[in-house]
């Protein structure tokens, strides 16, 4: 058998994530008898243009929800919309049978927002920049 080629890059081919996901799904099916990994997205659209202006990108798998990305533009922050978007994510995760959710945020981003919404920090890792860390959080659903 030929030696595999290892390539480190900052731009993946379009099918790269699909290949990895399919392989992981097959492995999970064999190991756990489940293949329930699904994207979970909550989009916020501008009411006039219908353009996506923010929201959440995440996924669910094996009873756990992963919140990967959450962004709202400055003009929408502080209005309560963020809490509504987060609650929509959590509710859909519950509907899918998830019992817990996890995320990480950066110390200068939104740890206080998540804490106000019932999330609890369970770990923190300093970054290479003094005073900045990644905070890992969870919530029972």
Protein backbone atom coordinates (compact mmCIF):
# COMPACT_ATOMS: atom_id res chain seq x y z
CA UNK A 1 0.00 0.00 0.00
CA UNK A 2 1.28 3.46 -0.88
CA UNK A 3 2.03 5.97 1.85
CA UNK A 4 -0.81 8.45 2.45
CA UNK A 5 -0.20 12.11 1.68
CA UNK A 6 -0.78 14.56 4.54
CA UNK A 7 -1.63 18.11 3.55
CA UNK A 8 -2.02 21.04 5.94
CA UNK A 9 -4.04 23.90 4.45
CA UNK A 10 -6.24 26.82 5.38
CA UNK A 11 -8.69 26.21 2.54
CA UNK A 12 -10.40 22.85 2.34
CA UNK A 13 -11.90 21.39 -0.79
CA UNK A 14 -15.72 21.66 -0.77
CA UNK A 15 -16.31 17.94 -0.24
CA UNK A 16 -13.72 17.62 2.57
CA UNK A 17 -16.17 18.16 5.45
CA UNK A 18 -18.73 15.92 3.75
CA UNK A 19 -16.19 13.06 3.49
CA UNK A 20 -15.22 13.41 7.16
CA UNK A 21 -18.85 13.64 8.27
CA UNK A 22 -19.86 10.56 6.33
CA UNK A 23 -16.97 8.57 7.78
CA UNK A 24 -17.78 9.73 11.30
CA UNK A 25 -21.48 8.94 10.84
CA UNK A 26 -20.63 5.40 9.71
CA UNK A 27 -18.28 4.90 12.65
CA UNK A 28 -20.90 6.19 15.13
CA UNK A 29 -23.50 3.86 13.63
CA UNK A 30 -21.20 0.87 14.07
CA UNK A 31 -19.98 1.83 17.56
CA UNK A 32 -23.14 3.26 19.16
CA UNK A 33 -25.95 2.07 16.90
CA UNK A 34 -26.82 5.72 16.21
CA UNK A 35 -26.28 8.12 13.39
CA UNK A 36 -28.14 11.24 14.45
CA UNK A 37 -25.61 14.02 13.71
CA UNK A 38 -27.49 16.95 12.16
CA UNK A 39 -26.82 20.64 11.62
CA UNK A 40 -28.81 23.01 13.81
CA UNK A 41 -28.99 26.59 12.53
CA UNK A 42 -31.05 29.54 13.73
CA UNK A 43 -31.10 32.38 11.21
CA UNK A 44 -32.01 36.01 11.78
CA UNK A 45 -33.17 37.77 8.62
CA UNK A 46 -33.67 41.46 7.92
CA UNK A 47 -37.44 42.01 7.62
CA UNK A 48 -37.08 44.34 4.64
CA UNK A 49 -34.41 42.68 2.52
CA UNK A 50 -34.78 39.07 3.78
CA UNK A 51 -30.96 39.04 4.00
CA UNK A 52 -29.40 36.88 6.73
CA UNK A 53 -27.88 39.26 9.28
CA UNK A 54 -27.01 36.89 12.12
CA UNK A 55 -27.82 33.73 13.99
CA UNK A 56 -26.40 30.46 15.25
CA UNK A 57 -24.61 27.61 13.52
CA UNK A 58 -24.36 24.38 15.48
CA UNK A 59 -25.16 20.72 15.40
CA UNK A 60 -26.66 17.90 17.45
CA UNK A 61 -25.27 14.42 17.95
CA UNK A 62 -25.78 11.60 20.45
CA UNK A 63 -27.93 13.70 22.78
CA UNK A 64 -25.63 16.72 22.85
CA UNK A 65 -26.03 20.10 21.14
CA UNK A 66 -22.93 21.99 20.00
CA UNK A 67 -23.20 25.74 19.53
CA UNK A 68 -20.35 26.54 17.15
CA UNK A 69 -20.95 30.12 15.96
CA UNK A 70 -23.29 32.86 17.21
CA UNK A 71 -23.27 36.40 15.88
CA UNK A 72 -25.61 39.36 15.83
CA UNK A 73 -24.62 42.76 14.43
CA UNK A 74 -24.14 45.59 16.94
CA UNK A 75 -27.44 47.22 15.96
CA UNK A 76 -29.38 44.13 17.15
CA UNK A 77 -27.54 43.52 20.42
CA UNK A 78 -29.14 44.50 23.72
CA UNK A 79 -32.68 44.21 22.32
CA UNK A 80 -33.44 40.73 23.71
CA UNK A 81 -33.13 39.20 20.26
CA UNK A 82 -29.98 37.28 21.23
CA UNK A 83 -31.81 35.55 24.07
CA UNK A 84 -34.68 34.64 21.71
CA UNK A 85 -32.24 33.17 19.17
CA UNK A 86 -30.42 31.21 21.89
CA UNK A 87 -33.71 29.90 23.29
CA UNK A 88 -34.77 28.79 19.79
CA UNK A 89 -31.48 26.85 19.48
CA UNK A 90 -31.98 25.24 22.90
CA UNK A 91 -35.62 24.35 22.21
CA UNK A 92 -34.79 22.67 18.89
CA UNK A 93 -31.99 20.74 20.62
CA UNK A 94 -34.50 19.53 23.25
CA UNK A 95 -36.92 18.52 20.47
CA UNK A 96 -34.11 16.41 19.00
CA UNK A 97 -33.60 14.65 22.33
CA UNK A 98 -30.54 16.54 23.53
CA UNK A 99 -30.06 16.68 27.29
CA UNK A 100 -27.11 19.07 27.34
CA UNK A 101 -25.40 21.68 25.19
CA UNK A 102 -21.81 22.92 24.96
CA UNK A 103 -20.06 25.94 23.51
CA UNK A 104 -16.97 28.01 23.87
CA UNK A 105 -16.77 31.75 23.86
CA UNK A 106 -13.86 34.16 24.19
CA UNK A 107 -13.40 36.18 27.36
CA UNK A 108 -14.09 39.48 25.57
CA UNK A 109 -17.14 38.14 23.73
CA UNK A 110 -20.21 36.97 25.60
CA UNK A 111 -19.60 34.82 28.70
CA UNK A 112 -21.89 37.08 30.75
CA UNK A 113 -24.68 36.76 28.19
CA UNK A 114 -24.53 32.97 28.33
CA UNK A 115 -24.39 32.96 32.15
CA UNK A 116 -27.54 35.14 32.27
CA UNK A 117 -29.19 32.47 30.12
CA UNK A 118 -28.31 29.58 32.43
CA UNK A 119 -25.02 28.42 30.94
CA UNK A 120 -22.20 27.41 33.31
CA UNK A 121 -18.46 27.64 32.68
CA UNK A 122 -16.61 24.35 33.09
CA UNK A 123 -13.18 25.26 31.80
CA UNK A 124 -10.97 28.08 30.65
CA UNK A 125 -7.81 28.08 28.55
CA UNK A 126 -5.54 31.09 28.19
CA UNK A 127 -4.67 32.19 24.69
CA UNK A 128 -1.30 33.38 23.44
CA UNK A 129 -2.51 36.96 24.06
CA UNK A 130 -2.38 38.12 27.69
CA UNK A 131 -5.80 38.63 29.23
CA UNK A 132 -7.70 36.69 26.55
CA UNK A 133 -8.99 33.17 27.13
CA UNK A 134 -11.45 30.69 25.74
CA UNK A 135 -14.24 29.83 28.14
CA UNK A 136 -15.99 26.50 27.76
CA UNK A 137 -19.62 26.43 28.87
CA UNK A 138 -22.46 23.93 29.20
CA UNK A 139 -26.16 23.91 29.93
CA UNK A 140 -28.52 21.13 30.91
CA UNK A 141 -31.48 21.16 28.57
